[in-house]
Protein backbone atom coordinates (compact mmCIF):
# COMPACT_ATOMS: atom_id res chain seq x y z
CA UNK A 1 0.00 0.00 0.00
CA UNK A 2 1.44 3.44 -0.92
CA UNK A 3 2.36 5.90 1.80
CA UNK A 4 0.12 8.96 1.88
CA UNK A 5 1.37 12.22 3.38
CA UNK A 6 0.22 15.81 3.48
CA UNK A 7 -0.87 17.55 0.26
CA UNK A 8 -1.41 21.12 -0.82
CA UNK A 9 -5.04 22.16 -1.22
CA UNK A 10 -4.51 23.18 -4.84
CA UNK A 11 -3.02 19.75 -5.67
CA UNK A 12 -5.91 17.96 -3.91
CA UNK A 13 -8.44 19.87 -6.02
CA UNK A 14 -6.42 19.13 -9.18
CA UNK A 15 -6.36 15.37 -8.49
CA UNK A 16 -10.06 15.26 -7.58
CA UNK A 17 -10.88 16.97 -10.89
CA UNK A 18 -8.77 14.35 -12.68
CA UNK A 19 -11.00 11.71 -11.03
CA UNK A 20 -14.16 13.39 -12.40
CA UNK A 21 -15.21 15.63 -9.50
CA UNK A 22 -16.71 19.06 -10.23
CA UNK A 23 -16.19 22.17 -8.15
CA UNK A 24 -15.20 23.31 -5.62
CA UNK A 25 -18.52 24.92 -4.76
CA UNK A 26 -19.22 27.17 -1.78
CA UNK A 27 -20.84 25.46 1.18
CA UNK A 28 -21.64 26.40 4.77
CA UNK A 29 -18.21 26.27 6.41
CA UNK A 30 -16.30 24.29 3.80
CA UNK A 31 -16.27 24.10 0.04
CA UNK A 32 -17.30 20.80 -1.55
CA UNK A 33 -16.83 18.85 -4.76
CA UNK A 34 -19.38 16.55 -6.43
CA UNK A 35 -19.16 13.47 -8.65
CA UNK A 36 -22.53 11.85 -9.29
CA UNK A 37 -24.03 11.09 -5.87
CA UNK A 38 -20.68 11.45 -4.02
CA UNK A 39 -19.94 14.74 -2.21
CA UNK A 40 -16.53 15.49 -0.68
CA UNK A 41 -15.88 18.40 1.68
CA UNK A 42 -12.64 20.27 0.97
CA UNK A 43 -10.94 21.74 4.07
CA UNK A 44 -10.24 25.47 4.22
CA UNK A 45 -6.65 26.48 3.39
CA UNK A 46 -5.89 28.25 6.69
CA UNK A 47 -3.21 25.91 8.03
CA UNK A 48 -1.14 25.19 4.89
CA UNK A 49 -0.95 21.58 3.75
CA UNK A 50 -3.81 19.13 4.35
CA UNK A 51 -2.88 16.08 6.42
CA UNK A 52 -4.08 12.57 5.69
């Protein structure tokens, strides 16, 4: 199994778009991305990189 580490928010959005997700769209406290019936919340970029 590959080792997953922290990732920059911009890279996370790029890879999710490569997998077919649309967005990010504005939500209540977090933005979200949608692919069919799957919704993923994207953390806010206040603390730098996003941990696993």
